[in-house]
Amino acid sequence: MQQTKAYEPGDLILSEGEASRGFCILKSGTLEVIKGGKVITELGVPGTIFGEMSDILGQPRVSDVKARDEALVIHIEKSIDDLVVEDPSIAKKLIFTLAKRLEQTTGMLENLLPDTDTLSEDHELEILVIDDREAMVEQIEQNLTNRPWKISGADTAGKGIEMSKRGNYALIVLSLNLPNAEDAMDFYRALRKNPRTKNTPVLATVISTDTAMKQRGRNIGIENFLEKPAEPRKVESMIMQALRLDTTGLYCTITDDVLHISFPADCSDFDKTEIVTSAPIGITGAIDSGIRKAVIDIHQVSEFDESFLKPIKQLTKAVDGAKLEYAIVGTSEQDQELNKESDDEAKLTVFPSLGEAISNISKKEAETAKTEEVPEAEEAPEAESPPDDKEVG
């Protein structure tokens, strides 16, 4: 049995929670599907089937359907079982509708679930931190304030498991030093058994002296570790590495056609190593972008000493080897520290400002170009030897 009903704007067509039999087909107009007082989707294509899932599953309807404007709706008051036997053409359309809906849902899930192979640091993503110390969650949140990333915390492995089932986390930061040592191991195994989270990256935090727990983490398959305590940029860098994001931008940026290699104000040994490691990638990126200038900027460093000489010389060698014109920006005190034991030939020139450094680079570029334009002097032909007047006898 079927009948066509006319509805005015705002009329209720199907009601959430009611027992169901049969389904509906939109003939004309536009309908709103409402859940929890919010419109979650609209139906406006004539021939659209709706309300069928409640009949198929034998459950009450899960949402309201109202008319947004004047609408005609065909009500099919037969069970799906009867319909499949009596009207195969409608059954076929119903199957097609279900297939399309599944395809759309799959597409939505693909968009919701983060793909760490294509992430960039500008993506809005969510990170779950499992640590019994709230201070650790707050520290990570503070370290990542410059990122559009949301940090959620769980103080037990059990809460972490429940949250990981519901959320779409791009990364899970897991403490291996929870009060019960087995909790972290059990959480990781459960995470990998769940098809939904089996590929979610994990960054394990562990007390630097707890080598045994770190080894246990390796044994069950954890690859990324952050030793505690950790300085802010190390936290940020290790999280980016776990997400397979490029960390070069933490120290190397391109501004006004100049590669800028910067040492942070509170530069640590970790920073020095990271700067030297990331510089070749930054240099390659600059060259690929057609950039031929580089500045090594140390002027922000608050506590400068002789330990900076080695990484700076490594950087100058790298940019020079790539045939980039470069200059160093720093204070007079840093200049003196860098060159206190250097002879004139090995002395590094340090400029007090970025403007002066770039001006010097431009001057060197102009001199190089002028030299290349001067044609090489043609070699004068060798003078022929005068003929020998002596007779050969």
Protein backbone atom coordinates (compact mmCIF):
# COMPACT_ATOMS: atom_id res chain seq x y z
CA MET A 1 0.00 0.00 0.00
CA GLN A 2 1.24 3.48 -0.82
CA GLN A 3 -0.18 6.99 -0.62
CA THR A 4 1.00 10.48 -1.53
CA LYS A 5 0.72 13.18 1.14
CA ALA A 6 1.13 16.94 0.84
CA TYR A 7 3.07 18.86 3.51
CA GLU A 8 3.34 22.52 4.39
CA PRO A 9 6.60 24.17 5.56
CA GLY A 10 7.46 22.96 9.08
CA ASP A 11 5.20 19.89 8.96
CA LEU A 12 6.61 16.79 10.62
CA ILE A 13 6.85 13.86 8.19
CA LEU A 14 8.75 11.30 10.30
CA SER A 15 9.33 11.51 14.04
CA GLU A 16 12.41 10.43 15.96
CA GLY A 17 11.74 7.44 18.22
CA GLU A 18 8.56 6.24 16.53
CA ALA A 19 8.13 2.62 15.47
CA SER A 20 8.61 2.19 11.76
CA ARG A 21 7.14 0.21 8.92
CA GLY A 22 7.99 0.96 5.33
CA PHE A 23 9.75 4.06 4.04
CA CYS A 24 9.20 7.25 2.02
CA ILE A 25 10.03 8.63 -1.42
CA LEU A 26 10.32 12.38 -2.04
CA LYS A 27 8.18 13.45 -4.96
CA SER A 28 8.75 17.22 -4.80
CA GLY A 29 9.94 19.96 -2.44
CA THR A 30 12.75 20.08 0.10
CA LEU A 31 12.96 18.27 3.43
CA GLU A 32 15.18 18.72 6.50
CA VAL A 33 16.62 15.82 8.51
CA ILE A 34 16.92 16.98 12.13
CA LYS A 35 18.87 15.37 14.96
CA GLY A 36 19.17 16.89 18.43
CA GLY A 37 17.48 20.06 17.25
CA LYS A 38 20.02 20.60 14.45
CA VAL A 39 19.54 20.20 10.70
CA ILE A 40 22.09 17.55 9.71
CA THR A 41 21.17 17.34 6.02
CA GLU A 42 18.57 18.30 3.43
CA LEU A 43 16.73 16.16 0.88
CA GLY A 44 15.70 17.87 -2.32
CA VAL A 45 16.12 15.46 -5.23
CA PRO A 46 12.84 13.93 -6.45
CA GLY A 47 12.95 10.15 -6.07
CA THR A 48 15.12 10.25 -2.94
CA ILE A 49 14.31 7.37 -0.58
CA PHE A 50 14.40 8.04 3.17
CA GLY A 51 13.31 6.34 6.38
CA GLU A 52 14.28 2.89 5.11
CA MET A 53 17.03 2.13 7.66
CA SER A 54 14.61 1.86 10.59
CA ASP A 55 12.60 -0.80 8.74
CA ILE A 56 15.71 -2.69 7.65
CA LEU A 57 17.20 -2.70 11.16
CA GLY A 58 13.86 -3.11 12.95
CA GLN A 59 14.61 -0.13 15.18
CA PRO A 60 12.81 3.15 16.00
CA ARG A 61 13.49 6.12 13.75
CA VAL A 62 16.65 8.00 14.73
CA SER A 63 15.80 11.50 13.49
CA ASP A 64 12.97 13.87 12.60
CA VAL A 65 12.19 14.71 8.99
CA LYS A 66 10.34 17.99 8.37
CA ALA A 67 9.22 19.86 5.26
CA ARG A 68 11.32 22.95 4.63
CA ASP A 69 8.84 24.15 2.01
CA GLU A 70 5.75 22.69 0.32
CA ALA A 71 6.45 19.03 -0.39
CA LEU A 72 4.85 15.88 -1.76
CA VAL A 73 5.95 12.60 -0.21
CA ILE A 74 5.05 9.05 -1.20
CA HIS A 75 4.65 6.78 1.84
CA ILE A 76 5.33 3.08 1.10
CA GLU A 77 3.61 1.20 3.91
CA LYS A 78 5.05 -2.22 3.21
CA SER A 79 7.91 -3.97 4.91
CA ILE A 80 11.17 -4.30 3.02
CA ASP A 81 10.74 -8.10 2.99
CA ASP A 82 7.35 -7.85 1.24
CA LEU A 83 8.57 -5.21 -1.17
CA VAL A 84 11.55 -7.24 -2.41
CA VAL A 85 9.12 -10.01 -3.43
CA GLU A 86 6.27 -7.88 -4.81
CA ASP A 87 8.03 -4.94 -6.51
CA PRO A 88 11.61 -5.70 -7.61
CA SER A 89 11.96 -2.33 -9.39
CA ILE A 90 11.54 -0.36 -6.13
CA ALA A 91 13.72 -2.89 -4.33
CA LYS A 92 16.46 -2.28 -6.90
CA LYS A 93 16.20 1.49 -6.38
CA LEU A 94 16.36 0.96 -2.63
CA ILE A 95 19.56 -1.08 -2.96
CA PHE A 96 21.06 1.62 -5.20
CA THR A 97 20.15 4.28 -2.62
CA LEU A 98 21.82 2.30 0.17
CA ALA A 99 24.95 1.82 -1.95
CA LYS A 100 25.19 5.56 -2.73
CA ARG A 101 24.69 6.41 0.92
CA LEU A 102 27.49 4.02 1.91
CA GLU A 103 29.76 5.58 -0.72
CA GLN A 104 29.03 9.08 0.62
CA THR A 105 29.64 7.97 4.21
CA THR A 106 32.96 6.38 3.23
CA GLY A 107 33.99 9.61 1.54
CA MET A 108 33.09 11.60 4.64
CA LEU A 109 35.15 9.28 6.83
CA GLU A 110 38.13 9.59 4.50
CA ASN A 111 37.91 13.37 4.86
CA LEU A 112 37.56 13.18 8.64
CA LEU A 113 40.37 10.73 9.32
CA PRO A 114 43.77 12.44 9.05
CA ASP A 115 46.16 11.11 6.40
CA THR A 116 49.62 11.58 7.85
CA ASP A 117 51.18 11.06 4.43
CA THR A 118 49.61 14.28 3.15
CA LEU A 119 49.51 16.39 6.31
CA SER A 120 51.08 19.80 6.47
CA GLU A 121 51.82 21.80 9.61
CA ASP A 122 48.87 24.07 8.72
CA HIS A 123 46.32 21.26 8.95
CA GLU A 124 43.88 21.44 11.84
CA LEU A 125 44.43 18.14 13.59
CA GLU A 126 43.96 16.64 17.02
CA ILE A 127 46.56 15.02 19.26
CA LEU A 128 45.74 12.78 22.23
CA VAL A 129 48.17 12.88 25.17
CA ILE A 130 47.97 9.99 27.64
CA ASP A 131 49.81 10.94 30.81
CA ASP A 132 48.83 10.79 34.48
CA ARG A 133 50.47 14.18 35.01
CA GLU A 134 48.27 17.03 33.81
CA ALA A 135 51.36 19.24 33.65
CA MET A 136 52.66 17.19 30.70
CA VAL A 137 49.47 17.77 28.74
CA GLU A 138 49.66 21.50 29.49
CA GLN A 139 53.34 21.62 28.50
CA ILE A 140 52.67 20.07 25.10
CA GLU A 141 49.74 22.42 24.58
CA GLN A 142 51.97 25.43 25.38
CA ASN A 143 54.77 24.14 23.14
CA LEU A 144 52.35 23.96 20.21
CA THR A 145 50.52 27.28 20.66
CA ASN A 146 51.76 28.43 17.25
CA ARG A 147 50.09 25.44 15.57
CA PRO A 148 46.37 25.07 14.69
CA TRP A 149 46.34 21.77 16.57
CA LYS A 150 43.98 20.68 19.34
CA ILE A 151 45.45 18.83 22.33
CA SER A 152 43.26 16.45 24.33
CA GLY A 153 44.38 14.67 27.48
CA ALA A 154 43.64 11.36 29.21
CA ASP A 155 45.10 10.61 32.65
CA THR A 156 44.72 6.82 32.37
CA ALA A 157 45.26 4.27 29.63
CA GLY A 158 41.62 3.18 30.00
CA LYS A 159 40.34 6.67 29.22
CA GLY A 160 42.81 6.84 26.37
CA ILE A 161 41.41 3.65 24.83
CA GLU A 162 37.85 4.98 24.99
CA MET A 163 38.84 8.36 23.54
CA SER A 164 40.83 6.75 20.72
CA LYS A 165 37.76 4.72 19.76
CA ARG A 166 35.62 7.85 19.45
CA GLY A 167 38.07 10.47 18.18
CA ASN A 168 40.03 10.96 14.97
CA TYR A 169 43.53 11.55 16.32
CA ALA A 170 46.44 12.29 14.01
CA LEU A 171 48.90 11.34 16.77
CA ILE A 172 48.86 9.76 20.22
CA VAL A 173 51.51 10.81 22.74
CA LEU A 174 51.78 7.94 25.22
CA SER A 175 53.64 8.04 28.52
CA LEU A 176 55.52 4.81 29.22
CA ASN A 177 55.84 5.88 32.86
CA LEU A 178 52.20 5.55 33.92
CA PRO A 179 51.71 4.39 37.57
CA ASN A 180 51.08 0.84 36.36
CA ALA A 181 53.92 -0.03 33.99
CA GLU A 182 51.77 -2.51 32.05
CA ASP A 183 49.03 0.03 31.23
CA ALA A 184 51.01 1.71 28.47
CA MET A 185 51.93 -1.65 26.91
CA ASP A 186 48.33 -2.86 27.04
CA PHE A 187 47.11 0.40 25.51
CA TYR A 188 49.54 0.14 22.59
CA ARG A 189 48.56 -3.47 21.87
CA ALA A 190 44.85 -2.57 21.97
CA LEU A 191 45.48 0.40 19.68
CA ARG A 192 47.17 -1.79 17.08
CA LYS A 193 44.46 -4.47 17.22
CA ASN A 194 41.74 -1.95 16.35
CA PRO A 195 41.49 -1.60 12.54
CA ARG A 196 40.50 2.04 13.01
CA THR A 197 43.64 2.98 14.95
CA LYS A 198 46.18 0.37 13.87
CA ASN A 199 48.07 2.93 11.76
CA THR A 200 47.78 5.93 14.10
CA PRO A 201 51.31 7.24 14.85
CA VAL A 202 52.47 6.99 18.46
CA LEU A 203 55.13 9.11 20.17
CA ALA A 204 56.19 7.53 23.46
CA THR A 205 57.42 9.77 26.27
CA VAL A 206 59.84 8.17 28.71
CA ILE A 207 62.08 9.35 31.53
CA SER A 208 65.57 9.75 30.07
CA THR A 209 67.14 7.40 32.61
CA ASP A 210 64.54 4.65 32.16
CA THR A 211 66.33 2.70 29.43
CA ALA A 212 64.55 -0.55 30.34
CA MET A 213 61.09 0.89 29.67
CA LYS A 214 62.30 2.45 26.44
CA GLN A 215 63.56 -0.96 25.30
CA ARG A 216 60.22 -2.54 26.21
CA GLY A 217 58.55 0.06 24.02
CA ARG A 218 60.82 -0.84 21.13
CA ASN A 219 60.09 -4.52 21.64
CA ILE A 220 56.35 -4.05 21.08
CA GLY A 221 56.87 -1.90 17.98
CA ILE A 222 57.08 1.73 19.14
CA GLU A 223 59.45 3.69 16.91
CA ASN A 224 59.29 7.31 18.12
CA PHE A 225 60.47 8.35 21.60
CA LEU A 226 60.66 11.67 23.43
CA GLU A 227 62.85 11.60 26.51
CA LYS A 228 61.71 13.63 29.52
CA PRO A 229 62.42 16.29 30.56
CA ALA A 230 62.44 17.90 27.12
CA GLU A 231 62.84 21.48 25.99
CA PRO A 232 59.97 23.11 24.03
CA ARG A 233 61.44 22.95 20.52
CA LYS A 234 62.47 19.35 20.99
CA VAL A 235 58.88 18.50 21.92
CA GLU A 236 57.61 20.32 18.83
CA SER A 237 60.24 18.76 16.58
CA MET A 238 59.65 15.19 17.81
CA ILE A 239 55.88 15.56 17.40
CA MET A 240 56.37 16.83 13.84
CA GLN A 241 58.71 13.95 13.07
CA ALA A 242 56.20 11.43 14.45
CA LEU A 243 53.60 13.01 12.16
CA ARG A 244 56.11 12.75 9.29
CA LEU A 245 56.14 16.51 8.85
CA ASP A 246 59.20 18.40 7.66
CA THR A 247 60.94 20.18 10.56
CA THR A 248 63.12 22.35 8.31
CA GLY A 249 60.78 25.31 8.73
CA LEU A 250 61.59 25.52 12.45
CA TYR A 251 64.97 27.03 11.54
CA CYS A 252 65.03 27.72 7.78
CA THR A 253 62.62 30.15 6.14
CA ILE A 254 62.52 32.07 2.88
CA THR A 255 61.77 35.79 3.17
CA ASP A 256 62.11 38.37 0.39
CA ASP A 257 64.04 35.94 -1.84
CA VAL A 258 66.59 35.20 0.90
CA LEU A 259 67.11 31.90 2.70
CA HIS A 260 67.08 32.77 6.40
CA ILE A 261 68.84 30.26 8.71
CA SER A 262 68.04 31.38 12.25
CA PHE A 263 69.41 30.44 15.66
CA PRO A 264 66.70 30.93 18.35
CA ALA A 265 67.23 33.14 21.40
CA ASP A 266 67.44 30.21 23.84
CA CYS A 267 69.44 28.07 21.44
CA SER A 268 70.38 24.70 22.92
CA ASP A 269 72.68 21.90 21.79
CA PHE A 270 69.61 20.17 20.37
CA ASP A 271 68.85 23.29 18.30
CA LYS A 272 72.41 23.50 16.99
CA THR A 273 72.29 19.90 15.82
CA GLU A 274 68.84 20.35 14.24
CA ILE A 275 69.89 23.52 12.43
CA VAL A 276 72.93 21.87 10.87
CA THR A 277 70.87 18.78 9.97
CA SER A 278 67.98 20.71 8.41
CA ALA A 279 70.11 23.29 6.57
CA PRO A 280 70.87 21.10 3.51
CA ILE A 281 67.14 20.55 2.97
CA GLY A 282 66.51 24.28 3.34
CA ILE A 283 69.33 25.08 0.92
CA THR A 284 68.02 22.60 -1.66
CA GLY A 285 64.52 24.08 -1.37
CA ALA A 286 65.91 27.59 -1.83
CA ILE A 287 67.87 26.62 -4.93
CA ASP A 288 64.82 24.88 -6.40
CA SER A 289 62.92 28.15 -5.88
CA GLY A 290 65.60 30.11 -7.74
CA ILE A 291 67.02 31.74 -4.61
CA ARG A 292 70.76 32.44 -4.51
CA LYS A 293 71.13 34.37 -1.23
CA ALA A 294 71.41 33.09 2.34
CA VAL A 295 71.69 34.73 5.74
CA ILE A 296 72.92 32.95 8.87
CA ASP A 297 71.30 34.86 11.72
CA ILE A 298 72.72 34.52 15.23
CA HIS A 299 71.82 37.95 16.62
CA GLN A 300 68.91 36.64 18.76
CA VAL A 301 71.05 34.18 20.74
CA SER A 302 71.14 35.41 24.34
CA GLU A 303 73.99 33.24 25.64
CA PHE A 304 76.60 33.03 22.90
CA ASP A 305 79.88 31.17 23.39
CA GLU A 306 82.55 29.27 21.49
CA SER A 307 80.29 26.21 21.10
CA PHE A 308 78.54 28.05 18.26
CA LEU A 309 81.68 28.26 16.13
CA LYS A 310 81.50 24.68 14.85
CA PRO A 311 77.85 24.71 13.68
CA ILE A 312 78.29 28.15 12.11
CA LYS A 313 81.34 26.99 10.16
CA GLN A 314 79.41 23.90 9.08
CA LEU A 315 76.64 26.17 7.78
CA THR A 316 79.01 28.50 5.93
CA LYS A 317 80.62 25.49 4.30
CA ALA A 318 77.20 24.17 3.26
CA VAL A 319 75.94 27.42 1.70
CA ASP A 320 79.32 28.09 0.09
CA GLY A 321 79.37 24.58 -1.36
CA ALA A 322 75.92 25.22 -2.84
CA LYS A 323 77.33 28.40 -4.43
CA LEU A 324 74.98 30.70 -2.53
CA GLU A 325 76.12 34.19 -1.65
CA TYR A 326 75.77 34.50 2.12
CA ALA A 327 76.36 36.74 5.13
CA ILE A 328 76.21 36.39 8.91
CA VAL A 329 74.06 38.66 11.08
CA GLY A 330 75.08 39.13 14.72
CA THR A 331 76.17 41.49 17.44
CA SER A 332 79.66 42.93 17.91
CA GLU A 333 80.15 40.69 20.94
CA GLN A 334 79.25 37.62 18.87
CA ASP A 335 81.65 38.82 16.17
CA GLN A 336 84.47 38.97 18.71
CA GLU A 337 83.64 35.53 20.13
CA LEU A 338 83.56 33.92 16.68
CA ASN A 339 86.84 35.45 15.54
CA LYS A 340 88.89 35.65 18.73
CA GLU A 341 91.21 32.83 17.62
CA SER A 342 90.93 33.25 13.84
CA ASP A 343 93.58 34.63 11.58
CA ASP A 344 92.66 37.14 8.87
CA GLU A 345 92.11 34.50 6.22
CA ALA A 346 89.73 32.44 8.36
CA LYS A 347 87.90 35.40 9.85
CA LEU A 348 84.10 35.41 9.56
CA THR A 349 82.50 38.73 8.69
CA VAL A 350 79.51 39.52 10.89
CA PHE A 351 77.04 42.29 10.00
CA PRO A 352 75.04 44.13 12.67
CA SER A 353 71.75 44.09 10.76
CA LEU A 354 69.88 42.08 8.16
CA GLY A 355 69.77 45.07 5.84
CA GLU A 356 73.55 45.46 5.85
CA ALA A 357 74.02 41.73 5.34
CA ILE A 358 71.74 41.64 2.30
CA SER A 359 73.34 44.81 0.94
CA ASN A 360 76.74 43.13 1.17
CA ILE A 361 75.41 40.01 -0.59
CA SER A 362 74.00 42.15 -3.42
CA LYS A 363 77.33 43.94 -3.74
CA LYS A 364 79.18 40.63 -4.04
CA GLU A 365 76.66 39.42 -6.63
CA ALA A 366 77.22 42.56 -8.69
CA GLU A 367 81.00 42.14 -8.51
CA THR A 368 80.72 38.50 -9.56
CA ALA A 369 78.47 39.39 -12.50
CA LYS A 370 80.85 42.15 -13.60
CA THR A 371 83.80 39.76 -13.49
CA GLU A 372 81.95 37.21 -15.60
CA GLU A 373 81.12 39.85 -18.23
CA VAL A 374 84.76 40.85 -18.81
CA PRO A 375 86.04 38.83 -21.81
CA GLU A 376 89.23 36.94 -21.27
CA ALA A 377 92.22 38.62 -22.90
CA GLU A 378 93.05 36.96 -26.15
CA GLU A 379 96.40 35.32 -26.11
CA ALA A 380 98.88 37.07 -28.45
CA PRO A 381 100.24 34.77 -31.13
CA GLU A 382 103.79 33.66 -30.55
CA ALA A 383 106.31 35.66 -32.60
CA GLU A 384 107.83 33.63 -35.37
CA SER A 385 111.55 33.04 -35.09
CA PRO A 386 113.59 34.94 -37.69
CA PRO A 387 114.95 32.71 -40.38
CA ASP A 388 118.42 31.35 -39.72
CA ASP A 389 120.81 32.96 -42.19
CA LYS A 390 123.48 30.42 -41.56
CA GLU A 391 123.94 27.92 -44.29
CA VAL A 392 123.64 24.39 -43.45
CA GLY A 393 126.59 22.65 -44.88
